[in-house]
PDB file of N, CA and C in Angstrom:
ATOM      1  N   MET A   1       6.176 -66.275  35.524  1.00  0.00           N
ATOM      2  CA  MET A   1       7.579 -66.568  35.515  1.00  0.00           C
ATOM      3  C   MET A   1       8.268 -66.614  33.592  1.00  0.00           C
ATOM      4  N   SER A   2       9.422 -66.947  33.591  1.00  0.00           N
ATOM      5  CA  SER A   2       9.835 -66.818  32.210  1.00  0.00           C
ATOM      6  C   SER A   2       8.855 -68.385  31.290  1.00  0.00           C
ATOM      7  N   ASP A   3       8.989 -68.065  30.265  1.00  0.00           N
ATOM      8  CA  ASP A   3       8.985 -69.353  29.400  1.00  0.00           C
ATOM      9  C   ASP A   3       9.392 -69.904  28.470  1.00  0.00           C
ATOM     10  N   HIS A   4      10.478 -70.253  29.201  1.00  0.00           N
ATOM     11  CA  HIS A   4      12.163 -70.460  28.451  1.00  0.00           C
ATOM     12  C   HIS A   4      13.238 -71.241  28.885  1.00  0.00           C
ATOM     13  N   LYS A   5      13.929 -72.513  28.793  1.00  0.00           N
ATOM     14  CA  LYS A   5      14.890 -72.625  29.655  1.00  0.00           C
ATOM     15  C   LYS A   5      15.975 -71.844  29.676  1.00  0.00           C
ATOM     16  N   GLU A   6      16.171 -71.271  31.002  1.00  0.00           N
ATOM     17  CA  GLU A   6      17.578 -70.614  31.581  1.00  0.00           C
ATOM     18  C   GLU A   6      18.849 -70.987  30.853  1.00  0.00           C
ATOM     19  N   PRO A   7      19.652 -70.208  30.323  1.00  0.00           N
ATOM     20  CA  PRO A   7      20.821 -70.393  29.657  1.00  0.00           C
ATOM     21  C   PRO A   7      22.047 -70.263  30.201  1.00  0.00           C
ATOM     22  N   ASN A   8      22.927 -71.415  30.046  1.00  0.00           N
ATOM     23  CA  ASN A   8      24.188 -71.826  30.578  1.00  0.00           C
ATOM     24  C   ASN A   8      25.111 -70.538  30.828  1.00  0.00           C
ATOM     25  N   TYR A   9      25.071 -70.135  31.751  1.00  0.00           N
ATOM     26  CA  TYR A   9      25.745 -68.011  31.503  1.00  0.00           C
ATOM     27  C   TYR A   9      27.171 -68.578  31.509  1.00  0.00           C
ATOM     28  N   ILE A  10      27.496 -69.601  32.966  1.00  0.00           N
ATOM     29  CA  ILE A  10      28.990 -70.171  32.606  1.00  0.00           C
ATOM     30  C   ILE A  10      29.767 -69.987  31.952  1.00  0.00           C
ATOM     31  N   GLY A  11      28.776 -71.493  31.031  1.00  0.00           N
ATOM     32  CA  GLY A  11      29.352 -71.685  29.542  1.00  0.00           C
ATOM     33  C   GLY A  11      29.281 -71.021  29.135  1.00  0.00           C
ATOM     34  N   VAL A  12      28.854 -69.880  28.498  1.00  0.00           N
ATOM     35  CA  VAL A  12      29.147 -68.721  27.387  1.00  0.00           C
ATOM     36  C   VAL A  12      30.114 -68.078  27.997  1.00  0.00           C
ATOM     37  N   PHE A  13      30.372 -67.735  29.407  1.00  0.00           N
ATOM     38  CA  PHE A  13      31.588 -66.969  29.667  1.00  0.00           C
ATOM     39  C   PHE A  13      32.662 -67.583  29.367  1.00  0.00           C
ATOM     40  N   TYR A  14      32.641 -69.382  29.510  1.00  0.00           N
ATOM     41  CA  TYR A  14      33.445 -69.885  29.363  1.00  0.00           C
ATOM     42  C   TYR A  14      34.199 -69.816  27.906  1.00  0.00           C
ATOM     43  N   LEU A  15      32.927 -69.605  27.135  1.00  0.00           N
ATOM     44  CA  LEU A  15      33.138 -69.336  25.304  1.00  0.00           C
ATOM     45  C   LEU A  15      33.773 -68.141  24.664  1.00  0.00           C
ATOM     46  N   LEU A  16      33.318 -67.471  25.739  1.00  0.00           N
ATOM     47  CA  LEU A  16      33.887 -65.582  25.452  1.00  0.00           C
ATOM     48  C   LEU A  16      35.373 -65.592  26.134  1.00  0.00           C
ATOM     49  N   ALA A  17      35.681 -66.686  27.164  1.00  0.00           N
ATOM     50  CA  ALA A  17      37.172 -66.059  27.299  1.00  0.00           C
ATOM     51  C   ALA A  17      37.763 -66.927  26.587  1.00  0.00           C
ATOM     52  N   ALA A  18      37.526 -68.144  26.154  1.00  0.00           N
ATOM     53  CA  ALA A  18      38.534 -69.053  25.139  1.00  0.00           C
ATOM     54  C   ALA A  18      38.396 -67.820  23.949  1.00  0.00           C
ATOM     55  N   LEU A  19      37.218 -67.702  23.735  1.00  0.00           N
ATOM     56  CA  LEU A  19      37.720 -66.497  22.011  1.00  0.00           C
ATOM     57  C   LEU A  19      38.385 -65.714  22.474  1.00  0.00           C
ATOM     58  N   THR A  20      38.365 -64.614  23.396  1.00  0.00           N
ATOM     59  CA  THR A  20      39.395 -63.728  24.139  1.00  0.00           C
ATOM     60  C   THR A  20      40.922 -64.547  24.034  1.00  0.00           C
ATOM     61  N   ALA A  21      40.927 -65.646  24.809  1.00  0.00           N
ATOM     62  CA  ALA A  21      42.726 -66.043  24.465  1.00  0.00           C
ATOM     63  C   ALA A  21      43.036 -66.340  23.512  1.00  0.00           C
ATOM     64  N   LEU A  22      42.208 -67.310  22.242  1.00  0.00           N
ATOM     65  CA  LEU A  22      41.939 -66.946  21.031  1.00  0.00           C
ATOM     66  C   LEU A  22      42.379 -65.862  20.220  1.00  0.00           C
ATOM     67  N   GLU A  23      41.646 -64.454  20.369  1.00  0.00           N
ATOM     68  CA  GLU A  23      42.029 -63.830  19.671  1.00  0.00           C
ATOM     69  C   GLU A  23      43.357 -63.430  20.056  1.00  0.00           C
ATOM     70  N   VAL A  24      44.209 -63.077  21.513  1.00  0.00           N
ATOM     71  CA  VAL A  24      45.058 -62.793  21.849  1.00  0.00           C
ATOM     72  C   VAL A  24      46.494 -63.651  20.787  1.00  0.00           C
ATOM     73  N   GLY A  25      46.040 -65.034  21.047  1.00  0.00           N
ATOM     74  CA  GLY A  25      47.217 -66.296  20.784  1.00  0.00           C
ATOM     75  C   GLY A  25      46.801 -65.450  18.831  1.00  0.00           C
ATOM     76  N   VAL A  26      46.173 -65.606  18.306  1.00  0.00           N
ATOM     77  CA  VAL A  26      45.979 -64.804  16.712  1.00  0.00           C
ATOM     78  C   VAL A  26      47.569 -64.299  16.170  1.00  0.00           C
ATOM     79  N   ILE A  27      47.613 -63.069  17.202  1.00  0.00           N
ATOM     80  CA  ILE A  27      48.533 -61.782  16.560  1.00  0.00           C
ATOM     81  C   ILE A  27      49.506 -62.258  16.638  1.00  0.00           C
ATOM     82  N   PHE A  28      50.040 -63.383  17.622  1.00  0.00           N
ATOM     83  CA  PHE A  28      51.669 -63.986  17.446  1.00  0.00           C
ATOM     84  C   PHE A  28      51.969 -64.849  16.221  1.00  0.00           C
ATOM     85  N   VAL A  29      50.611 -65.013  15.012  1.00  0.00           N
ATOM     86  CA  VAL A  29      50.919 -65.961  14.399  1.00  0.00           C
ATOM     87  C   VAL A  29      51.193 -65.286  12.865  1.00  0.00           C
ATOM     88  N   PRO A  30      52.241 -66.132  13.140  1.00  0.00           N
ATOM     89  CA  PRO A  30      53.070 -65.629  11.420  1.00  0.00           C
ATOM     90  C   PRO A  30      52.479 -66.198  10.121  1.00  0.00           C
ATOM     91  N   ILE A  31      51.542 -65.231  10.204  1.00  0.00           N
ATOM     92  CA  ILE A  31      50.392 -65.205   8.891  1.00  0.00           C
ATOM     93  C   ILE A  31      50.129 -63.572   8.311  1.00  0.00           C
ATOM     94  N   ALA A  32      49.824 -63.328   6.943  1.00  0.00           N
ATOM     95  CA  ALA A  32      49.791 -62.081   6.585  1.00  0.00           C
ATOM     96  C   ALA A  32      48.501 -61.040   7.988  1.00  0.00           C
ATOM     97  N   LYS A  33      48.873 -60.338   7.438  1.00  0.00           N
ATOM     98  CA  LYS A  33      48.408 -59.209   8.687  1.00  0.00           C
ATOM     99  C   LYS A  33      46.792 -59.125   8.426  1.00  0.00           C
ATOM    100  N   LEU A  34      46.996 -59.234   7.138  1.00  0.00           N
ATOM    101  CA  LEU A  34      45.210 -58.985   6.225  1.00  0.00           C
ATOM    102  C   LEU A  34      44.780 -60.262   7.026  1.00  0.00           C
ATOM    103  N   ILE A  35      44.655 -61.878   6.859  1.00  0.00           N
ATOM    104  CA  ILE A  35      44.230 -62.508   7.398  1.00  0.00           C
ATOM    105  C   ILE A  35      43.630 -62.957   9.107  1.00  0.00           C
ATOM    106  N   ILE A  36      44.898 -61.959   9.849  1.00  0.00           N
ATOM    107  CA  ILE A  36      44.756 -61.838  11.230  1.00  0.00           C
ATOM    108  C   ILE A  36      43.868 -60.267  11.528  1.00  0.00           C
ATOM    109  N   ALA A  37      43.599 -59.547  10.414  1.00  0.00           N
ATOM    110  CA  ALA A  37      42.590 -58.721  11.183  1.00  0.00           C
ATOM    111  C   ALA A  37      41.249 -59.557  10.621  1.00  0.00           C
ATOM    112  N   ILE A  38      41.068 -60.014   9.181  1.00  0.00           N
ATOM    113  CA  ILE A  38      39.634 -60.972   9.278  1.00  0.00           C
ATOM    114  C   ILE A  38      39.337 -62.178  10.223  1.00  0.00           C
ATOM    115  N   ALA A  39      40.741 -62.826  11.352  1.00  0.00           N
ATOM    116  CA  ALA A  39      40.317 -63.710  11.932  1.00  0.00           C
ATOM    117  C   ALA A  39      39.155 -63.152  13.326  1.00  0.00           C
ATOM    118  N   LEU A  40      40.689 -61.282  13.521  1.00  0.00           N
ATOM    119  CA  LEU A  40      40.279 -60.820  15.135  1.00  0.00           C
ATOM    120  C   LEU A  40      38.781 -60.059  14.491  1.00  0.00           C
ATOM    121  N   ILE A  41      38.080 -59.798  13.741  1.00  0.00           N
ATOM    122  CA  ILE A  41      36.922 -59.418  13.193  1.00  0.00           C
ATOM    123  C   ILE A  41      36.158 -60.698  12.869  1.00  0.00           C
ATOM    124  N   GLY A  42      36.100 -61.406  12.736  1.00  0.00           N
ATOM    125  CA  GLY A  42      35.361 -62.369  12.916  1.00  0.00           C
ATOM    126  C   GLY A  42      35.221 -62.985  14.051  1.00  0.00           C
ATOM    127  N   MET A  43      36.126 -63.459  14.909  1.00  0.00           N
ATOM    128  CA  MET A  43      35.867 -63.735  16.349  1.00  0.00           C
ATOM    129  C   MET A  43      35.031 -62.681  17.108  1.00  0.00           C
ATOM    130  N   ALA A  44      35.063 -61.391  16.894  1.00  0.00           N
ATOM    131  CA  ALA A  44      34.827 -60.348  17.407  1.00  0.00           C
ATOM    132  C   ALA A  44      33.106 -60.151  17.338  1.00  0.00           C
ATOM    133  N   LEU A  45      33.084 -60.380  16.322  1.00  0.00           N
ATOM    134  CA  LEU A  45      31.232 -60.627  15.623  1.00  0.00           C
ATOM    135  C   LEU A  45      30.657 -61.474  16.233  1.00  0.00           C
ATOM    136  N   VAL A  46      31.596 -62.855  16.530  1.00  0.00           N
ATOM    137  CA  VAL A  46      30.960 -64.041  17.189  1.00  0.00           C
ATOM    138  C   VAL A  46      30.828 -63.779  18.913  1.00  0.00           C
ATOM    139  N   LYS A  47      31.683 -63.011  19.154  1.00  0.00           N
ATOM    140  CA  LYS A  47      31.372 -62.686  20.938  1.00  0.00           C
ATOM    141  C   LYS A  47      30.156 -61.917  21.223  1.00  0.00           C
ATOM    142  N   ALA A  48      30.197 -60.672  20.195  1.00  0.00           N
ATOM    143  CA  ALA A  48      29.042 -59.633  19.707  1.00  0.00           C
ATOM    144  C   ALA A  48      27.688 -60.535  20.009  1.00  0.00           C
ATOM    145  N   ALA A  49      27.849 -61.276  19.205  1.00  0.00           N
ATOM    146  CA  ALA A  49      26.816 -62.439  19.031  1.00  0.00           C
ATOM    147  C   ALA A  49      26.556 -63.025  19.875  1.00  0.00           C
ATOM    148  N   LEU A  50      27.320 -63.845  21.017  1.00  0.00           N
ATOM    149  CA  LEU A  50      27.085 -64.165  21.926  1.00  0.00           C
ATOM    150  C   LEU A  50      26.229 -63.531  23.214  1.00  0.00           C
ATOM    151  N   VAL A  51      27.262 -62.476  23.064  1.00  0.00           N
ATOM    152  CA  VAL A  51      26.441 -61.339  24.265  1.00  0.00           C
ATOM    153  C   VAL A  51      25.026 -61.039  23.926  1.00  0.00           C
ATOM    154  N   ALA A  52      25.275 -60.561  22.773  1.00  0.00           N
ATOM    155  CA  ALA A  52      23.294 -60.372  22.509  1.00  0.00           C
ATOM    156  C   ALA A  52      22.500 -61.133  22.935  1.00  0.00           C
ATOM    157  N   LEU A  53      22.322 -62.357  22.373  1.00  0.00           N
ATOM    158  CA  LEU A  53      21.704 -63.157  22.470  1.00  0.00           C
ATOM    159  C   LEU A  53      21.695 -63.931  24.060  1.00  0.00           C
ATOM    160  N   TYR A  54      22.344 -64.151  24.452  1.00  0.00           N
ATOM    161  CA  TYR A  54      22.474 -64.975  25.686  1.00  0.00           C
ATOM    162  C   TYR A  54      22.417 -63.541  26.905  1.00  0.00           C
ATOM    163  N   PHE A  55      23.289 -62.688  26.738  1.00  0.00           N
ATOM    164  CA  PHE A  55      23.510 -61.841  28.090  1.00  0.00           C
ATOM    165  C   PHE A  55      22.143 -60.684  27.962  1.00  0.00           C
ATOM    166  N   MET A  56      21.652 -60.514  26.644  1.00  0.00           N
ATOM    167  CA  MET A  56      20.841 -59.340  26.582  1.00  0.00           C
ATOM    168  C   MET A  56      19.627 -60.257  25.898  1.00  0.00           C
ATOM    169  N   HIS A  57      19.646 -61.228  26.463  1.00  0.00           N
ATOM    170  CA  HIS A  57      17.868 -62.481  25.624  1.00  0.00           C
ATOM    171  C   HIS A  57      17.571 -62.183  24.585  1.00  0.00           C
ATOM    172  N   LEU A  58      18.296 -61.745  23.733  1.00  0.00           N
ATOM    173  CA  LEU A  58      17.783 -61.493  22.382  1.00  0.00           C
ATOM    174  C   LEU A  58      17.159 -62.796  21.498  1.00  0.00           C
ATOM    175  N   LYS A  59      18.337 -63.758  22.137  1.00  0.00           N
ATOM    176  CA  LYS A  59      17.636 -65.100  21.625  1.00  0.00           C
ATOM    177  C   LYS A  59      16.381 -65.467  22.420  1.00  0.00           C
ATOM    178  N   PHE A  60      15.621 -65.466  23.010  1.00  0.00           N
ATOM    179  CA  PHE A  60      14.540 -65.527  23.313  1.00  0.00           C
ATOM    180  C   PHE A  60      13.420 -64.611  23.199  1.00  0.00           C
ATOM    181  N   GLU A  61      13.574 -63.560  22.675  1.00  0.00           N
ATOM    182  CA  GLU A  61      12.601 -62.423  21.819  1.00  0.00           C
ATOM    183  C   GLU A  61      12.366 -62.803  20.625  1.00  0.00           C
ATOM    184  N   LYS A  62      11.067 -61.633  20.493  1.00  0.00           N
ATOM    185  CA  LYS A  62      10.469 -61.467  18.748  1.00  0.00           C
ATOM    186  C   LYS A  62      11.737 -61.768  18.383  1.00  0.00           C
ATOM    187  N   ARG A  63      11.810 -61.444  16.866  1.00  0.00           N
ATOM    188  CA  ARG A  63      12.688 -61.889  16.057  1.00  0.00           C
ATOM    189  C   ARG A  63      12.511 -60.566  15.345  1.00  0.00           C
ATOM    190  N   THR A  64      11.288 -59.323  15.642  1.00  0.00           N
ATOM    191  CA  THR A  64      11.603 -58.217  15.514  1.00  0.00           C
ATOM    192  C   THR A  64      12.391 -57.407  15.915  1.00  0.00           C
ATOM    193  N   LEU A  65      12.992 -57.796  17.014  1.00  0.00           N
ATOM    194  CA  LEU A  65      13.371 -57.201  18.323  1.00  0.00           C
ATOM    195  C   LEU A  65      15.113 -57.443  17.554  1.00  0.00           C
ATOM    196  N   GLY A  66      14.930 -58.745  17.448  1.00  0.00           N
ATOM    197  CA  GLY A  66      16.932 -59.043  16.790  1.00  0.00           C
ATOM    198  C   GLY A  66      16.698 -58.306  15.561  1.00  0.00           C
ATOM    199  N   ILE A  67      16.224 -58.144  14.977  1.00  0.00           N
ATOM    200  CA  ILE A  67      16.273 -57.149  13.320  1.00  0.00           C
ATOM    201  C   ILE A  67      16.550 -55.856  13.782  1.00  0.00           C
ATOM    202  N   ILE A  68      15.581 -55.068  15.005  1.00  0.00           N
ATOM    203  CA  ILE A  68      16.201 -54.256  15.159  1.00  0.00           C
ATOM    204  C   ILE A  68      17.461 -53.921  15.933  1.00  0.00           C
ATOM    205  N   ALA A  69      17.987 -54.870  16.662  1.00  0.00           N
ATOM    206  CA  ALA A  69      19.881 -54.630  17.469  1.00  0.00           C
ATOM    207  C   ALA A  69      20.663 -54.879  15.980  1.00  0.00           C
ATOM    208  N   LEU A  70      20.000 -55.850  14.429  1.00  0.00           N
ATOM    209  CA  LEU A  70      20.859 -56.093  13.888  1.00  0.00           C
ATOM    210  C   LEU A  70      21.252 -54.959  12.546  1.00  0.00           C
ATOM    211  N   THR A  71      20.190 -54.377  12.914  1.00  0.00           N
ATOM    212  CA  THR A  71      20.085 -53.092  11.549  1.00  0.00           C
ATOM    213  C   THR A  71      21.486 -52.139  12.057  1.00  0.00           C
ATOM    214  N   PRO A  72      21.427 -51.484  13.007  1.00  0.00           N
ATOM    215  CA  PRO A  72      23.161 -51.020  13.338  1.00  0.00           C
ATOM    216  C   PRO A  72      24.150 -51.304  12.704  1.00  0.00           C
ATOM    217  N   LEU A  73      24.737 -52.429  13.044  1.00  0.00           N
ATOM    218  CA  LEU A  73      25.688 -53.787  12.370  1.00  0.00           C
ATOM    219  C   LEU A  73      25.539 -53.900  11.198  1.00  0.00           C
ATOM    220  N   ILE A  74      24.521 -53.896  10.518  1.00  0.00           N
ATOM    221  CA  ILE A  74      24.498 -53.706   9.167  1.00  0.00           C
ATOM    222  C   ILE A  74      25.199 -52.289   8.395  1.00  0.00           C
ATOM    223  N   LEU A  75      24.085 -51.443   8.894  1.00  0.00           N
ATOM    224  CA  LEU A  75      24.801 -50.133   8.874  1.00  0.00           C
ATOM    225  C   LEU A  75      26.020 -49.320   8.943  1.00  0.00           C
ATOM    226  N   CYS A  76      26.575 -49.877   9.773  1.00  0.00           N
ATOM    227  CA  CYS A  76      28.083 -49.647  10.539  1.00  0.00           C
ATOM    228  C   CYS A  76      28.723 -50.151   9.239  1.00  0.00           C
ATOM    229  N   THR A  77      28.944 -51.735   9.063  1.00  0.00           N
ATOM    230  CA  THR A  77      29.371 -52.312   8.063  1.00  0.00           C
ATOM    231  C   THR A  77      29.440 -51.271   6.439  1.00  0.00           C
ATOM    232  N   LEU A  78      28.392 -51.298   6.073  1.00  0.00           N
ATOM    233  CA  LEU A  78      28.216 -50.440   4.644  1.00  0.00           C
ATOM    234  C   LEU A  78      28.985 -49.623   4.742  1.00  0.00           C
ATOM    235  N   LEU A  79      29.069 -48.700   5.980  1.00  0.00           N
ATOM    236  CA  LEU A  79      29.614 -47.263   6.159  1.00  0.00           C
ATOM    237  C   LEU A  79      31.193 -47.443   5.856  1.00  0.00           C
ATOM    238  N   ILE A  80      31.431 -48.584   6.889  1.00  0.00           N
ATOM    239  CA  ILE A  80      32.627 -48.922   6.458  1.00  0.00           C
ATOM    240  C   ILE A  80      33.413 -49.569   5.534  1.00  0.00           C
ATOM    241  N   VAL A  81      32.710 -50.024   4.783  1.00  0.00           N
ATOM    242  CA  VAL A  81      33.387 -50.660   3.501  1.00  0.00           C
ATOM    243  C   VAL A  81      32.594 -49.455   2.400  1.00  0.00           C
ATOM    244  N   SER A  82      32.377 -48.409   2.259  1.00  0.00           N
ATOM    245  CA  SER A  82      31.713 -47.354   1.567  1.00  0.00           C
ATOM    246  C   SER A  82      33.067 -46.581   1.529  1.00  0.00           C
ATOM    247  N   LEU A  83      33.192 -46.037   2.857  1.00  0.00           N
ATOM    248  CA  LEU A  83      34.446 -45.261   3.327  1.00  0.00           C
ATOM    249  C   LEU A  83      35.801 -45.512   3.109  1.00  0.00           C
ATOM    250  N   LEU A  84      36.074 -46.908   2.781  1.00  0.00           N
ATOM    251  CA  LEU A  84      37.361 -48.036   2.619  1.00  0.00           C
ATOM    252  C   LEU A  84      38.695 -46.643   1.619  1.00  0.00           C
ATOM    253  N   PRO A  85      37.862 -46.694   0.852  1.00  0.00           N
ATOM    254  CA  PRO A  85      39.032 -46.035  -0.367  1.00  0.00           C
ATOM    255  C   PRO A  85      39.449 -44.990  -0.026  1.00  0.00           C
ATOM    256  N   ASP A  86      38.668 -44.329   1.132  1.00  0.00           N
ATOM    257  CA  ASP A  86      39.110 -42.899   2.002  1.00  0.00           C
ATOM    258  C   ASP A  86      40.136 -43.128   3.002  1.00  0.00           C
ATOM    259  N   LEU A  87      39.717 -44.075   3.428  1.00  0.00           N
ATOM    260  CA  LEU A  87      40.460 -44.411   4.780  1.00  0.00           C
ATOM    261  C   LEU A  87      42.091 -44.836   4.631  1.00  0.00           C
ATOM    262  N   THR A  88      42.751 -45.650   3.718  1.00  0.00           N
ATOM    263  CA  THR A  88      43.653 -46.376   3.369  1.00  0.00           C
ATOM    264  C   THR A  88      44.766 -45.318   3.303  1.00  0.00           C
ATOM    265  N   GLY A  89      44.696 -44.044   3.079  1.00  0.00           N
ATOM    266  CA  GLY A  89      45.571 -43.546   3.598  1.00  0.00           C
ATOM    267  C   GLY A  89      46.860 -43.067   2.384  1.00  0.00           C
ATOM    268  N   THR A  90      46.125 -44.086   1.420  1.00  0.00           N
ATOM    269  CA  THR A  90      47.106 -43.365   0.136  1.00  0.00           C
ATOM    270  C   THR A  90      47.419 -42.426  -0.537  1.00  0.00           C
ATOM    271  N   THR A  91      48.265 -41.704  -0.912  1.00  0.00           N
ATOM    272  CA  THR A  91      48.021 -40.390  -1.683  1.00  0.00           C
ATOM    273  C   THR A  91      48.131 -40.800  -3.541  1.00  0.00           C
ATOM    274  N   ARG A  92      47.203 -39.913  -3.661  1.00  0.00           N
ATOM    275  CA  ARG A  92      47.603 -40.203  -5.158  1.00  0.00           C
ATOM    276  C   ARG A  92      48.062 -39.062  -5.924  1.00  0.00           C
ATOM    277  N   GLU A  93      49.054 -39.073  -6.854  1.00  0.00           N
ATOM    278  CA  GLU A  93      49.248 -37.752  -7.691  1.00  0.00           C
ATOM    279  C   GLU A  93      48.976 -38.012  -9.217  1.00  0.00           C
ATOM    280  N   SER A  94      48.992 -36.489  -9.491  1.00  0.00           N
ATOM    281  CA  SER A  94      48.508 -36.619 -10.810  1.00  0.00           C
ATOM    282  C   SER A  94      49.802 -36.837 -11.872  1.00  0.00           C
ATOM    283  N   LYS A  95      49.625 -37.831 -13.029  1.00  0.00           N
ATOM    284  CA  LYS A  95      50.856 -38.291 -13.708  1.00  0.00           C
ATOM    285  C   LYS A  95      51.389 -36.401 -14.552  1.00  0.00           C
ATOM    286  N   HIS A  96      50.798 -35.474 -14.497  1.00  0.00           N
ATOM    287  CA  HIS A  96      51.494 -33.966 -14.765  1.00  0.00           C
ATOM    288  C   HIS A  96      52.757 -33.848 -14.341  1.00  0.00           C
ATOM    289  N   LYS A  97      52.394 -33.675 -12.747  1.00  0.00           N
ATOM    290  CA  LYS A  97      53.093 -33.632 -11.781  1.00  0.00           C
ATOM    291  C   LYS A  97      54.442 -33.817 -11.710  1.00  0.00           C
ATOM    292  N   GLU A  98      54.276 -35.670 -11.866  1.00  0.00           N
ATOM    293  CA  GLU A  98      55.487 -36.419 -11.521  1.00  0.00           C
ATOM    294  C   GLU A  98      56.305 -35.890 -12.869  1.00  0.00           C
ATOM    295  N   THR A  99      55.664 -35.905 -14.463  1.00  0.00           N
ATOM    296  CA  THR A  99      56.593 -35.524 -15.465  1.00  0.00           C
ATOM    297  C   THR A  99      57.478 -34.160 -14.920  1.00  0.00           C
ATOM    298  N   ALA A 100      56.353 -33.496 -14.029  1.00  0.00           N
ATOM    299  CA  ALA A 100      57.264 -32.154 -14.088  1.00  0.00           C
ATOM    300  C   ALA A 100      58.053 -32.312 -13.053  1.00  0.00           C
ATOM    301  N   GLN A 101      58.341 -33.066 -12.073  1.00  0.00           N
ATOM    302  CA  GLN A 101      59.480 -33.028 -11.022  1.00  0.00           C
ATOM    303  C   GLN A 101      60.620 -33.950 -12.404  1.00  0.00           C
ATOM    304  N   VAL A 102      60.197 -34.866 -12.918  1.00  0.00           N
ATOM    305  CA  VAL A 102      61.459 -35.669 -13.916  1.00  0.00           C
ATOM    306  C   VAL A 102      61.929 -34.481 -14.564  1.00  0.00           C
ATOM    307  N   GLU A 103      60.882 -33.612 -15.110  1.00  0.00           N
ATOM    308  CA  GLU A 103      62.099 -32.949 -15.953  1.00  0.00           C
ATOM    309  C   GLU A 103      63.033 -31.763 -15.052  1.00  0.00           C
ATOM    310  N   ASN A 104      62.385 -31.214 -13.694  1.00  0.00           N
ATOM    311  CA  ASN A 104      63.202 -30.332 -12.795  1.00  0.00           C
ATOM    312  C   ASN A 104      64.321 -31.177 -12.651  1.00  0.00           C
ATOM    313  N   VAL A 105      64.329 -32.498 -12.414  1.00  0.00           N
ATOM    314  CA  VAL A 105      65.554 -33.025 -12.080  1.00  0.00           C
ATOM    315  C   VAL A 105      66.766 -33.091 -13.277  1.00  0.00           C
ATOM    316  N   GLU A 106      65.950 -33.581 -14.634  1.00  0.00           N
ATOM    317  CA  GLU A 106      66.981 -33.449 -15.409  1.00  0.00           C
ATOM    318  C   GLU A 106      67.334 -31.810 -16.011  1.00  0.00           C
ATOM    319  N   GLN A 107      66.740 -30.785 -15.978  1.00  0.00           N
ATOM    320  CA  GLN A 107      66.967 -29.384 -15.864  1.00  0.00           C
ATOM    321  C   GLN A 107      68.418 -29.187 -14.952  1.00  0.00           C
ATOM    322  N   VAL A 108      68.034 -29.652 -13.696  1.00  0.00           N
ATOM    323  CA  VAL A 108      68.845 -29.487 -12.635  1.00  0.00           C
ATOM    324  C   VAL A 108      70.772 -30.313 -12.751  1.00  0.00           C
ATOM    325  N   ALA A 109      70.454 -31.804 -13.603  1.00  0.00           N
ATOM    326  CA  ALA A 109      71.098 -32.596 -14.022  1.00  0.00           C
ATOM    327  C   ALA A 109      71.988 -31.561 -15.007  1.00  0.00           C
ATOM    328  N   GLU A 110      71.337 -31.231 -16.347  1.00  0.00           N
ATOM    329  CA  GLU A 110      71.617 -30.773 -17.456  1.00  0.00           C
ATOM    330  C   GLU A 110      72.775 -29.746 -16.896  1.00  0.00           C
ATOM    331  N   ALA A 111      72.284 -28.770 -15.919  1.00  0.00           N
ATOM    332  CA  ALA A 111      72.659 -27.541 -15.606  1.00  0.00           C
ATOM    333  C   ALA A 111      73.873 -27.786 -14.645  1.00  0.00           C
ATOM    334  N   GLY A 112      74.114 -28.969 -14.017  1.00  0.00           N
ATOM    335  CA  GLY A 112      75.432 -29.362 -13.249  1.00  0.00           C
ATOM    336  C   GLY A 112      76.223 -29.715 -13.944  1.00  0.00           C
ATOM    337  N   ASP A 113      75.909 -30.629 -15.411  1.00  0.00           N
ATOM    338  CA  ASP A 113      77.033 -31.222 -15.954  1.00  0.00           C
ATOM    339  C   ASP A 113      77.274 -30.047 -17.229  1.00  0.00           C
ATOM    340  N   SER A 114      76.651 -29.104 -17.516  1.00  0.00           N
ATOM    341  CA  SER A 114      77.468 -27.758 -18.265  1.00  0.00           C
ATOM    342  C   SER A 114      78.124 -26.571 -17.121  1.00  0.00           C
ATOM    343  N   ALA A 115      77.825 -26.793 -15.411  1.00  0.00           N
ATOM    344  CA  ALA A 115      78.346 -25.816 -15.273  1.00  0.00           C
ATOM    345  C   ALA A 115      80.021 -26.572 -14.693  1.00  0.00           C
ATOM    346  N   ASN A 116      80.026 -27.978 -14.751  1.00  0.00           N
ATOM    347  CA  ASN A 116      81.105 -28.597 -14.687  1.00  0.00           C
ATOM    348  C   ASN A 116      81.948 -28.380 -16.120  1.00  0.00           C
ATOM    349  N   GLU A 117      81.695 -28.327 -17.182  1.00  0.00           N
ATOM    350  CA  GLU A 117      82.748 -28.509 -17.949  1.00  0.00           C
ATOM    351  C   GLU A 117      83.279 -26.964 -18.816  1.00  0.00           C
TER     352      GLU A 117
END
């Protein structure tokens, strides 16, 4: 048979349900969106760890299998962090383009003033 104690699946279920309710509640707290996002990501990681440890039985496996399961999470995190500057959606315009636009506006304003005289 198995050489480990049977985990309390109902207790893990209640913990997961409580974390889900907490995630829903965090959305309505009047704090900065960045803090909300960090809290949601943290709670999602805790929930994923609980599912992996208890329902996938990684808690009772050799450490090598846990490392194999953790490797994609680490790689995904590194990928997201490295691509974050590209995903921000900010557009960057050169100074040359901005000064050219200002000069065009000034020329149009001058032309309008000279036409009114």
